[in-house]
Amino acid sequence: MAQKTIVKMYDDLDGSEIDAEGKSVSFSFDGTSYEIDLSGKNVEKMREDLRVYIDKARKVTNRGRAAGKAEPAPLDTKAVRAWAEEQGMEVSARGRLSSELIEQYRAAH
């Protein structure tokens, strides 16, 4: 038997099905990043609403990082797996480690 899976996206503002001009829009405000799914009509409305601020704002590149926001040290996945096994946790030998497991490992070290 054949199956067909259809994924439909819906506008987070008005609940309408997203049209071909719609998309997920990413933005940041007050140091927090957001993403919202919008129809073409609401993407354009967001652009219009933000235009007064965008026109006066400075563009920021991703070259530098804000002071005080240190990036976590690179993770030794072998060490995480070994630690998890020592703790009696089931962890696969390959593949991605869950964020929960990584948080537990970092909290313990």
C-alpha atoms as a PDB file:
ATOM      1  CA  MET A   1       0.000   0.000   0.000  1.00  0.00           C
ATOM      2  CA  ALA A   2       1.331   3.449  -0.892  1.00  0.00           C
ATOM      3  CA  GLN A   3       1.302   6.322   1.539  1.00  0.00           C
ATOM      4  CA  LYS A   4       1.606  10.013   0.978  1.00  0.00           C
ATOM      5  CA  THR A   5       2.520  12.327   3.826  1.00  0.00           C
ATOM      6  CA  ILE A   6       1.560  15.952   3.420  1.00  0.00           C
ATOM      7  CA  VAL A   7       3.078  18.577   5.690  1.00  0.00           C
ATOM      8  CA  LYS A   8       1.168  21.821   5.947  1.00  0.00           C
ATOM      9  CA  MET A   9       2.456  24.949   7.634  1.00  0.00           C
ATOM     10  CA  TYR A  10       0.145  27.384   9.369  1.00  0.00           C
ATOM     11  CA  ASP A  11       0.615  31.067  10.131  1.00  0.00           C
ATOM     12  CA  ASP A  12       1.419  31.587  13.820  1.00  0.00           C
ATOM     13  CA  LEU A  13      -0.547  34.864  13.881  1.00  0.00           C
ATOM     14  CA  ASP A  14      -3.837  34.079  12.208  1.00  0.00           C
ATOM     15  CA  GLY A  15      -3.822  30.287  11.810  1.00  0.00           C
ATOM     16  CA  SER A  16      -4.209  30.394   8.023  1.00  0.00           C
ATOM     17  CA  GLU A  17      -2.390  27.894   5.836  1.00  0.00           C
ATOM     18  CA  ILE A  18       0.921  29.338   4.675  1.00  0.00           C
ATOM     19  CA  ASP A  19       1.010  30.168   0.978  1.00  0.00           C
ATOM     20  CA  ALA A  20       3.967  30.001  -1.416  1.00  0.00           C
ATOM     21  CA  GLU A  21       5.167  33.477  -0.317  1.00  0.00           C
ATOM     22  CA  GLY A  22       5.064  32.517   3.350  1.00  0.00           C
ATOM     23  CA  LYS A  23       8.050  31.370   5.365  1.00  0.00           C
ATOM     24  CA  SER A  24       9.671  31.043   8.764  1.00  0.00           C
ATOM     25  CA  VAL A  25      11.056  34.414   9.809  1.00  0.00           C
ATOM     26  CA  SER A  26      13.948  34.641  12.268  1.00  0.00           C
ATOM     27  CA  PHE A  27      14.630  37.792  14.255  1.00  0.00           C
ATOM     28  CA  SER A  28      16.295  38.929  17.466  1.00  0.00           C
ATOM     29  CA  PHE A  29      15.194  41.436  20.054  1.00  0.00           C
ATOM     30  CA  ASP A  30      16.768  42.323  23.410  1.00  0.00           C
ATOM     31  CA  GLY A  31      19.361  39.574  23.011  1.00  0.00           C
ATOM     32  CA  THR A  32      16.837  36.798  22.386  1.00  0.00           C
ATOM     33  CA  SER A  33      16.394  35.101  19.010  1.00  0.00           C
ATOM     34  CA  TYR A  34      12.935  34.187  17.764  1.00  0.00           C
ATOM     35  CA  GLU A  35      11.374  32.406  14.804  1.00  0.00           C
ATOM     36  CA  ILE A  36       7.794  32.693  13.595  1.00  0.00           C
ATOM     37  CA  ASP A  37       5.956  31.061  10.680  1.00  0.00           C
ATOM     38  CA  LEU A  38       4.060  33.618   8.603  1.00  0.00           C
ATOM     39  CA  SER A  39       1.970  33.751   5.436  1.00  0.00           C
ATOM     40  CA  GLY A  40       3.184  36.033   2.654  1.00  0.00           C
ATOM     41  CA  LYS A  41       0.689  38.681   3.740  1.00  0.00           C
ATOM     42  CA  ASN A  42       1.969  38.678   7.326  1.00  0.00           C
ATOM     43  CA  VAL A  43       5.645  38.599   6.262  1.00  0.00           C
ATOM     44  CA  GLU A  44       4.998  41.798   4.330  1.00  0.00           C
ATOM     45  CA  LYS A  45       3.074  43.325   7.267  1.00  0.00           C
ATOM     46  CA  MET A  46       5.978  42.525   9.606  1.00  0.00           C
ATOM     47  CA  ARG A  47       8.405  44.199   7.182  1.00  0.00           C
ATOM     48  CA  GLU A  48       6.198  47.291   7.015  1.00  0.00           C
ATOM     49  CA  ASP A  49       5.786  47.422  10.807  1.00  0.00           C
ATOM     50  CA  LEU A  50       9.548  47.121  11.400  1.00  0.00           C
ATOM     51  CA  ARG A  51      10.606  49.433   8.550  1.00  0.00           C
ATOM     52  CA  VAL A  52      10.783  52.564  10.751  1.00  0.00           C
ATOM     53  CA  TYR A  53      13.198  50.757  13.109  1.00  0.00           C
ATOM     54  CA  ILE A  54      15.212  49.013  10.376  1.00  0.00           C
ATOM     55  CA  ASP A  55      15.760  52.298   8.553  1.00  0.00           C
ATOM     56  CA  LYS A  56      17.334  53.838  11.679  1.00  0.00           C
ATOM     57  CA  ALA A  57      19.235  50.754  12.886  1.00  0.00           C
ATOM     58  CA  ARG A  58      22.846  49.636  12.321  1.00  0.00           C
ATOM     59  CA  LYS A  59      23.505  46.243  10.763  1.00  0.00           C
ATOM     60  CA  VAL A  60      25.476  43.861  12.950  1.00  0.00           C
ATOM     61  CA  THR A  61      27.623  41.069  11.584  1.00  0.00           C
ATOM     62  CA  ASN A  62      28.197  37.746  13.309  1.00  0.00           C
ATOM     63  CA  ARG A  63      31.967  38.290  13.454  1.00  0.00           C
ATOM     64  CA  GLY A  64      32.226  39.254  17.100  1.00  0.00           C
ATOM     65  CA  ARG A  65      30.489  37.837  20.108  1.00  0.00           C
ATOM     66  CA  ALA A  66      29.103  39.857  22.958  1.00  0.00           C
ATOM     67  CA  ALA A  67      31.423  40.142  25.951  1.00  0.00           C
ATOM     68  CA  GLY A  68      30.664  37.742  28.755  1.00  0.00           C
ATOM     69  CA  LYS A  69      28.899  35.171  26.583  1.00  0.00           C
ATOM     70  CA  ALA A  70      31.517  32.458  26.375  1.00  0.00           C
ATOM     71  CA  GLU A  71      30.932  29.582  24.012  1.00  0.00           C
ATOM     72  CA  PRO A  72      30.922  26.169  25.740  1.00  0.00           C
ATOM     73  CA  ALA A  73      34.105  24.163  25.342  1.00  0.00           C
ATOM     74  CA  PRO A  74      34.096  21.551  22.570  1.00  0.00           C
ATOM     75  CA  LEU A  75      32.615  18.292  23.746  1.00  0.00           C
ATOM     76  CA  ASP A  76      34.519  14.995  23.808  1.00  0.00           C
ATOM     77  CA  THR A  77      31.669  12.679  22.824  1.00  0.00           C
ATOM     78  CA  LYS A  78      33.689   9.559  23.720  1.00  0.00           C
ATOM     79  CA  ALA A  79      34.130  10.890  27.239  1.00  0.00           C
ATOM     80  CA  VAL A  80      30.418  11.708  27.488  1.00  0.00           C
ATOM     81  CA  ARG A  81      29.445   8.185  26.361  1.00  0.00           C
ATOM     82  CA  ALA A  82      31.926   6.606  28.798  1.00  0.00           C
ATOM     83  CA  TRP A  83      30.641   8.771  31.651  1.00  0.00           C
ATOM     84  CA  ALA A  84      27.012   7.950  30.809  1.00  0.00           C
ATOM     85  CA  GLU A  85      27.758   4.220  30.803  1.00  0.00           C
ATOM     86  CA  GLU A  86      29.521   4.544  34.186  1.00  0.00           C
ATOM     87  CA  GLN A  87      26.344   6.186  35.486  1.00  0.00           C
ATOM     88  CA  GLY A  88      24.266   3.243  34.260  1.00  0.00           C
ATOM     89  CA  MET A  89      22.644   5.231  31.455  1.00  0.00           C
ATOM     90  CA  GLU A  90      21.879   3.644  28.108  1.00  0.00           C
ATOM     91  CA  VAL A  91      23.605   5.509  25.311  1.00  0.00           C
ATOM     92  CA  SER A  92      24.145   4.484  21.712  1.00  0.00           C
ATOM     93  CA  ALA A  93      27.674   3.935  20.446  1.00  0.00           C
ATOM     94  CA  ARG A  94      27.065   6.285  17.511  1.00  0.00           C
ATOM     95  CA  GLY A  95      24.855   9.176  16.558  1.00  0.00           C
ATOM     96  CA  ARG A  96      23.875  12.397  18.232  1.00  0.00           C
ATOM     97  CA  LEU A  97      23.912  12.791  21.977  1.00  0.00           C
ATOM     98  CA  SER A  98      20.744  14.177  23.529  1.00  0.00           C
ATOM     99  CA  SER A  99      20.919  17.709  24.883  1.00  0.00           C
ATOM    100  CA  GLU A 100      19.674  16.358  28.232  1.00  0.00           C
ATOM    101  CA  LEU A 101      22.630  13.940  28.437  1.00  0.00           C
ATOM    102  CA  ILE A 102      25.083  16.714  27.508  1.00  0.00           C
ATOM    103  CA  GLU A 103      23.611  19.001  30.192  1.00  0.00           C
ATOM    104  CA  GLN A 104      23.919  16.226  32.803  1.00  0.00           C
ATOM    105  CA  TYR A 105      27.530  15.579  31.766  1.00  0.00           C
ATOM    106  CA  ARG A 106      28.469  19.273  31.932  1.00  0.00           C
ATOM    107  CA  ALA A 107      26.769  19.656  35.324  1.00  0.00           C
ATOM    108  CA  ALA A 108      28.800  16.718  36.662  1.00  0.00           C
ATOM    109  CA  HIS A 109      32.113  18.055  35.368  1.00  0.00           C
END
